[in-house]
Every structure is written in structure tokens, then in C-alpha cells.
Protein backbone atom coordinates (compact mmCIF):
# COMPACT_ATOMS: atom_id res chain seq x y z
CA MET A 1 142.33 18.21 95.24
CA ILE A 2 139.06 19.51 96.68
CA LYS A 3 139.36 22.47 99.06
CA PRO A 4 135.88 23.18 100.43
CA CYS A 5 134.58 26.42 101.87
CA ILE A 6 131.22 26.56 103.64
CA ILE A 7 129.57 29.98 103.44
CA GLY A 8 127.07 30.74 106.19
CA LEU A 9 127.65 28.96 109.51
CA GLY A 10 124.16 28.61 110.93
CA TYR A 11 122.13 25.44 111.44
CA VAL A 12 122.80 24.31 107.88
CA GLY A 13 126.37 25.38 107.19
CA LEU A 14 128.08 24.50 110.46
CA PRO A 15 127.23 20.76 110.41
CA LEU A 16 128.35 20.63 106.76
CA LEU A 17 131.68 22.18 107.72
CA VAL A 18 132.23 19.85 110.67
CA ASN A 19 131.50 16.74 108.60
CA LEU A 20 133.72 17.79 105.69
CA SER A 21 136.58 18.69 108.05
CA LYS A 22 136.89 14.99 108.93
CA LYS A 23 138.31 14.37 105.45
CA PHE A 24 139.40 17.78 104.17
CA ASN A 25 141.03 21.01 105.22
CA ALA A 26 137.93 23.20 105.17
CA THR A 27 137.19 26.90 105.51
CA GLY A 28 134.10 28.23 107.27
CA PHE A 29 133.02 31.75 106.31
CA ASP A 30 130.39 33.95 107.94
CA ILE A 31 129.96 37.74 107.85
CA ASN A 32 129.00 37.73 111.54
CA LYS A 33 132.29 38.39 113.32
CA LYS A 34 130.92 37.52 116.74
CA ARG A 35 129.72 34.17 115.40
CA ILE A 36 133.19 33.51 113.98
CA ASN A 37 134.90 34.44 117.26
CA ASP A 38 132.53 32.18 119.20
CA LEU A 39 133.24 29.27 116.87
CA ILE A 40 137.01 29.82 117.06
CA ASN A 41 136.62 29.55 120.84
CA GLY A 42 134.63 26.34 120.48
CA LYS A 43 131.25 27.88 121.28
CA ASP A 44 128.08 27.24 119.28
CA ILE A 45 125.31 29.29 120.90
CA PHE A 46 122.70 26.97 119.34
CA ASN A 47 124.29 23.92 121.00
CA GLU A 48 124.07 21.85 117.82
CA VAL A 49 127.83 21.21 117.50
CA LYS A 50 130.21 20.15 120.26
CA LYS A 51 133.32 22.08 121.26
CA LYS A 52 135.70 19.24 120.35
CA ASP A 53 134.35 19.23 116.77
CA LEU A 54 134.82 22.99 116.44
CA LYS A 55 138.42 22.68 117.64
CA ASN A 56 139.32 20.40 114.70
CA LYS A 57 142.62 21.64 113.25
CA ASN A 58 141.32 21.04 109.73
CA ILE A 59 138.86 23.92 110.12
CA LYS A 60 139.71 27.55 109.44
CA PHE A 61 137.04 30.05 110.51
CA THR A 62 136.98 33.48 108.87
CA SER A 63 134.82 36.54 108.25
CA SER A 64 137.02 37.66 105.34
CA ILE A 65 136.07 36.36 101.91
CA GLN A 66 139.66 36.88 100.79
CA SER A 67 140.70 34.13 103.20
CA ALA A 68 138.55 31.74 101.17
CA LYS A 69 140.02 32.53 97.76
CA TYR A 70 142.18 29.40 97.69
CA SER A 71 139.14 27.15 98.04
CA ASN A 72 137.71 25.54 94.90
CA LEU A 73 134.38 24.22 96.18
CA PHE A 74 132.02 26.77 97.72
CA ILE A 75 128.88 25.52 99.47
CA VAL A 76 126.51 28.43 100.11
CA ALA A 77 124.08 28.14 103.03
CA VAL A 78 123.05 31.72 103.75
CA PRO A 79 119.60 32.77 105.06
CA THR A 80 116.77 33.51 102.62
CA PRO A 81 114.12 35.38 104.67
CA ILE A 82 111.16 37.50 103.53
CA HIS A 83 110.48 41.24 103.62
CA ASN A 84 107.66 42.75 105.67
CA ASN A 85 105.46 42.59 102.58
CA LYS A 86 106.11 38.80 102.45
CA ASN A 87 108.14 39.00 99.22
CA PRO A 88 111.45 37.06 99.05
CA ASP A 89 114.45 38.82 100.58
CA LEU A 90 117.51 37.71 98.61
CA ARG A 91 119.96 40.27 99.97
CA HIS A 92 122.17 37.64 101.66
CA LEU A 93 122.41 35.66 98.41
CA LYS A 94 123.15 38.85 96.48
CA ASP A 95 125.86 39.85 98.91
CA ILE A 96 127.66 36.52 98.86
CA CYS A 97 127.39 36.10 95.07
CA GLU A 98 129.00 39.51 94.60
CA LYS A 99 131.72 38.64 97.10
CA LEU A 100 132.41 35.31 95.37
CA SER A 101 132.45 37.03 91.99
CA LYS A 102 135.63 38.84 93.04
CA ILE A 103 137.55 35.69 94.01
CA LEU A 104 136.24 33.05 91.58
CA LYS A 105 138.83 31.15 89.59
CA HIS A 106 138.80 28.76 86.63
CA LYS A 107 137.28 25.36 87.51
CA ASP A 108 135.71 26.49 90.79
CA ILE A 109 132.42 24.88 91.80
CA ILE A 110 129.62 26.61 93.71
CA ILE A 111 126.77 24.61 95.24
CA PHE A 112 123.83 26.55 96.67
CA GLU A 113 121.94 25.04 99.63
CA SER A 114 119.72 27.98 100.59
CA THR A 115 115.98 27.53 100.10
CA VAL A 116 114.76 29.60 97.15
CA TYR A 117 111.96 29.70 94.62
CA PRO A 118 112.48 27.92 91.27
CA GLY A 119 114.84 29.81 88.98
CA VAL A 120 116.85 31.78 91.55
CA THR A 121 120.09 29.84 91.04
CA ASN A 122 120.16 30.22 87.25
CA ASP A 123 118.41 33.55 86.79
CA TYR A 124 119.61 35.47 89.84
CA CYS A 125 122.77 33.94 91.32
CA ILE A 126 124.75 33.03 88.21
CA PRO A 127 124.60 36.54 86.64
CA LEU A 128 125.85 37.97 89.95
CA LEU A 129 128.67 35.43 90.07
CA GLU A 130 129.77 36.53 86.58
CA LYS A 131 129.51 40.24 87.41
CA LYS A 132 133.02 41.09 88.69
CA ASN A 133 135.07 38.82 86.40
CA THR A 134 135.33 37.55 82.83
CA LEU A 135 134.43 33.96 83.71
CA LYS A 136 131.39 32.19 82.25
CA GLU A 137 129.33 29.62 84.17
CA GLY A 138 129.28 26.21 82.53
CA LYS A 139 132.61 26.89 80.83
CA ASP A 140 134.98 28.45 83.38
CA PHE A 141 133.18 27.67 86.63
CA PHE A 142 130.26 25.41 87.53
CA VAL A 143 127.14 25.84 89.65
CA GLY A 144 124.86 23.27 91.28
CA TYR A 145 122.15 23.09 93.91
CA SER A 146 121.69 20.78 96.89
CA PRO A 147 118.74 21.85 99.05
CA GLU A 148 119.35 21.72 102.78
CA ARG A 149 117.35 19.28 104.87
CA VAL A 150 118.73 19.99 108.33
CA ASN A 151 116.07 19.71 111.05
CA PRO A 152 117.29 21.54 114.20
CA GLY A 153 116.66 19.67 117.43
CA ASP A 154 115.90 16.39 115.65
CA THR A 155 118.25 13.71 117.01
CA LYS A 156 116.73 11.03 114.75
CA HIS A 157 117.24 12.83 111.42
CA LYS A 158 120.68 14.33 111.73
CA LEU A 159 122.60 15.39 108.62
CA ILE A 160 124.41 12.10 108.02
CA GLN A 161 121.19 10.10 108.52
CA ILE A 162 119.07 11.78 105.82
CA ASN A 163 118.77 11.51 102.05
CA LYS A 164 119.93 14.54 100.09
CA ILE A 165 119.31 15.88 96.60
CA LEU A 166 122.24 17.04 94.47
CA ALA A 167 121.48 18.88 91.22
CA PHE A 168 124.50 19.35 88.96
CA PRO A 169 124.11 19.70 85.19
CA TYR A 170 127.75 18.93 84.31
CA GLU A 171 130.16 16.01 84.11
CA PHE A 172 133.01 18.16 85.45
CA ARG A 173 134.17 16.56 88.74
CA LYS A 174 130.76 14.97 89.10
CA LYS A 175 132.13 11.78 90.68
CA GLU A 176 134.14 13.80 93.21
CA LEU A 177 131.09 15.86 94.12
CA LEU A 178 129.03 12.73 94.69
CA LYS A 179 131.76 11.31 96.94
CA ILE A 180 131.93 14.55 98.92
CA TYR A 181 128.19 14.66 99.43
CA SER A 182 128.18 11.03 100.44
CA LEU A 183 130.18 12.21 103.48
CA LEU A 184 127.26 14.48 104.34
CA SER A 185 124.24 12.30 103.80
CA LYS A 186 122.93 8.76 103.95
CA LYS A 187 121.96 8.67 100.27
CA ILE A 188 122.40 11.10 97.39
CA ILE A 189 119.57 11.56 94.91
CA PHE A 190 121.18 12.97 91.77
CA THR A 191 119.53 15.12 89.13
CA LYS A 192 120.77 17.45 86.43
CA ASN A 193 117.86 19.85 86.75
CA ILE A 194 118.53 22.66 89.24
CA LYS A 195 115.11 24.29 88.85
CA GLU A 196 113.30 21.06 89.70
CA ALA A 197 115.51 20.53 92.77
CA GLU A 198 114.69 24.09 93.93
CA THR A 199 110.98 23.33 93.53
CA ALA A 200 111.25 20.02 95.39
CA LYS A 201 112.84 21.76 98.35
CA VAL A 202 110.30 24.55 98.68
CA ILE A 203 107.28 22.20 98.47
CA GLU A 204 108.67 19.88 101.18
CA ASN A 205 108.12 22.61 103.76
CA ILE A 206 104.87 23.88 102.25
CA GLN A 207 103.31 20.41 102.59
CA ARG A 208 104.14 20.34 106.30
CA ASP A 209 102.97 23.92 106.84
CA VAL A 210 99.60 23.23 105.18
CA ASN A 211 99.10 20.07 107.27
CA ILE A 212 99.86 21.91 110.52
CA GLY A 213 97.54 24.69 109.41
CA LEU A 214 94.73 22.17 108.97
CA ILE A 215 95.36 20.67 112.42
CA ASN A 216 95.48 24.15 113.98
CA GLU A 217 92.11 24.90 112.41
CA ILE A 218 90.65 21.63 113.74
CA TYR A 219 92.05 22.48 117.20
CA LEU A 220 90.37 25.91 117.10
CA PHE A 221 87.13 24.30 115.91
CA CYS A 222 87.18 21.92 118.90
CA LYS A 223 87.86 24.76 121.34
CA ASN A 224 84.95 26.72 119.87
CA LEU A 225 82.52 23.82 120.18
CA GLY A 226 83.78 22.67 123.57
CA LEU A 227 85.01 19.33 122.21
CA ASN A 228 87.95 17.28 123.52
CA TYR A 229 90.56 17.78 120.78
CA SER A 230 93.02 15.15 122.08
CA ASN A 231 90.35 12.47 122.27
CA ILE A 232 89.10 13.31 118.77
CA ILE A 233 92.60 13.01 117.29
CA ASN A 234 93.20 9.71 119.11
CA LEU A 235 89.95 8.35 117.70
CA ALA A 236 90.74 9.54 114.17
CA SER A 237 94.26 8.08 114.42
CA THR A 238 92.82 4.58 114.63
CA LYS A 239 92.29 4.73 110.86
CA TRP A 240 95.31 3.28 109.03
CA ASN A 241 95.93 6.27 106.73
CA PHE A 242 95.24 9.15 109.12
CA ILE A 243 98.32 11.42 109.33
CA LYS A 244 98.86 12.75 112.84
CA PHE A 245 100.15 16.30 113.24
CA ASN A 246 100.17 18.42 116.39
CA PRO A 247 98.72 21.92 116.71
CA GLY A 248 101.28 24.56 117.52
CA LEU A 249 103.06 27.85 116.98
CA VAL A 250 104.91 27.53 113.69
CA GLY A 251 108.10 29.60 113.63
CA GLY A 252 111.67 29.26 112.43
CA HIS A 253 113.38 29.83 109.13
CA CYS A 254 111.52 27.52 106.74
CA LEU A 255 107.83 26.85 107.28
CA PRO A 256 106.75 30.48 107.82
CA ILE A 257 108.78 31.61 104.79
CA ASP A 258 108.77 29.02 102.00
CA PRO A 259 105.05 29.31 101.11
CA TYR A 260 105.64 32.98 100.27
CA TYR A 261 108.57 32.11 97.99
CA PHE A 262 106.36 29.63 96.16
CA SER A 263 103.44 32.06 95.96
CA PHE A 264 105.74 34.86 94.72
CA ILE A 265 107.07 32.94 91.71
CA SER A 266 103.58 31.58 91.01
CA LYS A 267 102.19 35.11 90.70
CA LYS A 268 105.09 36.15 88.49
CA ASN A 269 104.13 33.32 86.16
CA LYS A 270 100.42 34.19 86.26
CA PHE A 271 99.44 31.15 88.34
CA GLN A 272 97.30 31.84 91.39
CA THR A 273 97.86 29.47 94.31
CA LYS A 274 94.81 28.64 96.44
CA ILE A 275 95.92 26.19 99.12
CA THR A 276 99.55 27.21 99.74
CA LEU A 277 98.87 30.34 101.79
CA ALA A 278 95.67 29.07 103.43
CA GLY A 279 97.68 27.06 105.97
CA ARG A 280 100.07 29.98 106.44
CA ASN A 281 97.21 32.34 107.31
CA ILE A 282 95.94 29.96 110.00
CA ASN A 283 99.43 29.38 111.41
CA ASP A 284 100.20 33.10 111.52
CA SER A 285 96.97 33.73 113.42
CA MET A 286 97.83 31.21 116.15
CA ALA A 287 99.96 33.77 118.01
CA ILE A 288 96.88 35.97 118.48
CA THR A 289 94.79 32.96 119.53
CA VAL A 290 97.32 31.75 122.10
CA LYS A 291 97.83 35.23 123.53
CA LYS A 292 94.05 35.54 124.01
CA GLN A 293 93.95 32.10 125.71
CA ILE A 294 96.61 33.26 128.17
CA ILE A 295 94.86 36.56 128.89
CA ASP A 296 91.53 34.77 129.46
CA PHE A 297 93.25 32.30 131.79
CA LEU A 298 94.94 35.08 133.80
CA LYS A 299 91.66 36.97 134.17
CA LYS A 300 90.41 33.92 136.03
CA TYR A 301 93.48 32.96 138.08
CA ASP A 302 95.11 36.37 138.53
CA PRO A 303 92.30 38.96 138.42
CA LYS A 304 94.21 41.42 140.62
CA ASN A 305 97.41 41.06 138.58
CA ASN A 306 99.53 40.31 141.64
CA LYS A 307 100.79 36.78 140.99
CA LYS A 308 104.25 36.04 139.68
CA ILE A 309 103.96 34.56 136.17
CA LEU A 310 106.64 32.70 134.25
CA ILE A 311 106.40 32.08 130.49
CA CYS A 312 108.39 28.89 129.84
CA GLY A 313 109.94 28.09 126.47
CA LEU A 314 110.55 31.07 124.19
CA THR A 315 112.39 29.60 121.21
CA TYR A 316 110.52 28.78 118.03
CA LYS A 317 110.71 25.00 118.43
CA LYS A 318 111.00 22.29 121.08
CA ASN A 319 114.60 21.48 122.11
CA VAL A 320 116.06 24.16 119.81
CA ALA A 321 118.03 27.13 121.17
CA ASP A 322 116.95 29.78 118.68
CA LEU A 323 114.76 32.86 119.18
CA ARG A 324 114.70 33.93 115.53
CA ASN A 325 111.20 34.06 114.02
CA SER A 326 109.82 32.77 117.32
CA LEU A 327 106.07 33.19 117.93
CA PRO A 328 106.45 32.30 121.66
CA MET A 329 108.92 35.17 121.99
CA LYS A 330 106.50 37.48 120.19
CA ILE A 331 103.65 36.46 122.52
CA PHE A 332 105.86 36.94 125.60
CA SER A 333 106.93 40.43 124.48
CA GLU A 334 103.30 41.50 124.04
CA LEU A 335 102.18 40.00 127.36
CA LYS A 336 105.02 41.73 129.20
CA LYS A 337 103.51 45.10 128.27
CA LYS A 338 100.27 44.10 130.03
CA TYR A 339 101.48 42.17 133.10
CA ASN A 340 104.12 43.76 135.31
CA LYS A 341 105.08 40.55 137.15
CA ILE A 342 105.60 38.36 134.09
CA LYS A 343 109.03 36.96 133.24
CA GLY A 344 110.51 34.67 130.62
CA TYR A 345 112.43 31.41 130.98
CA ASP A 346 114.26 29.28 128.44
CA PRO A 347 117.13 27.15 129.76
CA LEU A 348 118.32 26.26 126.25
CA LEU A 349 119.36 29.79 125.42
CA ASP A 350 122.94 30.92 125.76
CA ARG A 351 123.45 32.82 129.01
CA SER A 352 124.37 36.03 127.17
CA ILE A 353 121.00 35.99 125.38
CA SER A 354 119.08 35.30 128.60
CA GLU A 355 120.87 38.19 130.29
CA LYS A 356 120.13 40.51 127.36
CA TYR A 357 116.38 39.90 127.71
CA LYS A 358 116.52 39.60 131.53
CA PHE A 359 115.14 36.06 131.47
CA VAL A 360 115.16 33.82 134.54
CA ASN A 361 118.51 32.03 134.56
CA SER A 362 118.67 29.73 137.58
CA LEU A 363 116.57 26.83 138.85
CA LYS A 364 116.42 28.55 142.23
CA GLU A 365 114.77 31.62 140.72
CA PHE A 366 112.61 29.38 138.50
CA LYS A 367 110.91 27.89 141.58
CA LYS A 368 109.72 31.26 142.93
CA PHE A 369 106.74 31.80 140.61
CA ASP A 370 103.03 31.17 141.14
CA ILE A 371 101.90 30.45 137.58
CA TYR A 372 103.90 28.64 134.87
CA ILE A 373 102.67 28.96 131.27
CA VAL A 374 104.45 26.64 128.81
CA LEU A 375 104.70 27.79 125.19
CA THR A 376 107.64 25.70 123.93
CA ASN A 377 107.77 22.43 125.83
CA HIS A 378 111.51 21.68 125.94
CA SER A 379 112.45 18.39 127.59
CA ILE A 380 114.43 20.22 130.28
CA ILE A 381 111.41 22.42 131.06
CA GLN A 382 109.26 19.32 131.55
CA LYS A 383 111.93 17.97 133.91
CA ASN A 384 112.15 21.22 135.90
CA LEU A 385 108.37 21.56 136.23
CA LYS A 386 108.22 18.14 137.91
CA LYS A 387 110.40 19.54 140.71
CA LEU A 388 107.74 22.09 141.71
CA ASN A 389 105.32 21.56 144.61
CA ASN A 390 101.58 21.09 144.09
CA SER A 391 100.73 24.68 145.01
CA LYS A 392 101.98 25.89 141.65
CA LYS A 393 99.65 26.38 138.68
CA ILE A 394 101.03 24.91 135.43
CA ILE A 395 99.38 25.52 132.07
CA ASN A 396 100.55 23.79 128.89
CA ILE A 397 99.22 25.86 126.01
CA LEU A 398 97.96 23.80 123.02
CA ASN A 399 98.14 20.58 125.06
């Protein structure tokens, strides 16, 4: 009988756990004790999962790896960030592989979902899994890879509505694995090659990052020449094969990171990428560009620095309650050093986070500002801005 344990309860792991708990008794593990306590109390600070789903009696939340030792299917969805020098930071993978190594048993299965560069599962994770025991992968326990495709804030492409890759080189319990993953996704694309599945995942995000980088460059070109960007894009979109992307601040846990994973392994194999990081360089520079736009605007509309300014939308993405790797938050923090009457507002954030950063919390307080500068255009922010009178100045950056 399958006894699943989901390791890492963020955007990726928590929906996996909730879906599997509909058919199985499932364990959810995370090293963040506060996160575990919140989930036990039915609270997801990212508002992606409802309280009633977290209160499912089939779910056991824990921050102790020993509590997961009776599981026999481990699905690993831990973060894979980068260091300050842009090299891959695999410390979370290392930590969990070493923890699992102490509790692994004969016939256990481990499926990695974290985004990595090609070769990490076989060359990095498996040796760590074998480190604290006498078990051998492929004989005593079995490892696969199923790259995550969760898109936070996207109501159209939720977990169960997307296609998912499953790479598993063995026949051991293969049919059961396919049935389990069919509970998680619309369609399973099966392959035996883990390295190719790792590569497929990392290039999915690179393609999008490069395309946004190109659009950001076109946007900057139009600003420089005094051209109407929106009209130009609408005209170009009349061609049947024109792909429409929007300019923006690219943050989060995938697009700003995956190109560096790809570039890192390319260099190690003496292959020099040329396009991959070009889009990343443009996208990274957009924070500086937007900050300058805001400063130039305020020089005109608030030359004496006495108006009350509200920066609206601080998370990294529209309709997502997450400040991690957020360029809007970075811009706000830098502007706050320059303007003494500037405040932040993001109604999607958990109240405890808003209070920590002293953000505006109520609609009543929201209405008291003179200038509203929108960085992340959440639907609720659009709704609240419509309630303001005409004396207010509203600026939608990048629109």
C-alpha cells in the first residue's frame, strides 16, 4: 500500500499533499515549524489552499523527519535558489537527502520535483541518499523525477488541469506511480530518462524569461524614442504568429533562477550559452528602470516631497501573496529611503506580514493618500482604486 510523504510545503508541495490526501493517508513535512503550525491550524499564508482542505483527517503535518519514516513514497519539492554569485544553491536538497538517508527502507521510492540542472538527481541526490545507510539505488530503493509545473495565482492552469512529466527508469511499482500521478495531473507524459526530464523543466522557464526580456527591451526602446508601446504591440499582434507577452518585473522562484542553473551546467561542460542570460540581464535591470521612472514622475508631481504616496502591489506577481524574490518589494524598500511619506500596500499579504513591514492594512487608510503608484496590479487593487475620487493621482507602471 502506498503511504506518501510530501517534503516541502510551499506552492508546489502543499497542493500535491492536498490532492493525494483525498485517496491516501499522507504526511506533509517541512522544516519551517511556523509553517507547520499554521497549516495544522488551517492557515495557508499564501491563500492557495482552503482551510477545509487543510483540515482533512488524512493529512499529518510534521517538522520531524522521523515522523515520516513509515512512508514509502517521498515526493521532494524543496526550494532550489541561487547564491549571490548566481551559482546554484542546493543546500535544501542536500539537507533533505541527508535526512532521508537516515530513514530510507527497502523498496522506498523518492520522486524529486524541485527544479534543477541536468544531472543533479543522479549525480548529486542519489549519492547523498545512499550516504547514511547500506542501501543501493536501483536495487534497494528507487528514484524518479517529476518536474513541478505549478503556476501560483493561475486559476486556469491549476495542478489537476495541467500535463505533467514523470521520469522513472524502473518497472518497480511503475503502474502504481502512474495511477498516483494521475490524481495530480490531467495527463502524465512518461519517460525513463531523468536527465532529459530535468532539462525539459529548466528550459520551459528559460523560454518564457527570454521572451519577456525581449518585450521589456522593446518597451524600453519605445520609451526612449517616444513611441506608443501599447499601440505598437496591438498592431504587431494582428499578424497570425506574433506571440504577445507583457513587459514587467520578473520575480519569483523560477524565471529569475532557472537560466543560471542552465548556464552553470553549460559552463561545466564547456558550452557557452549566448541567449539564455541575455533576457535575464534585461529583466534584472527593469527594477532600476522602474525606480527611475517613479523618481522622475515624483520630481514633477511632488517636487517639495510633501505628498502622501502609496506603492500598491508589492508581491512578485499579480494575484499572488508572496514577497519572496519580489522586485516591487525591492523598489519600494529603496524608494522608502528617499521619500519620507511613502508607504506600501498589498491586500493579498497575510496581516502578520503587513504588520511586520508596517504596510497599509485597511481600506479606510488606503483612501488617505495623494498619489497611488501601482507596481503589481492585483485584481483587488484595481477594484479599490476605482473607489477613489478624481482628485487622486494614479500611475500604473509599465501600463
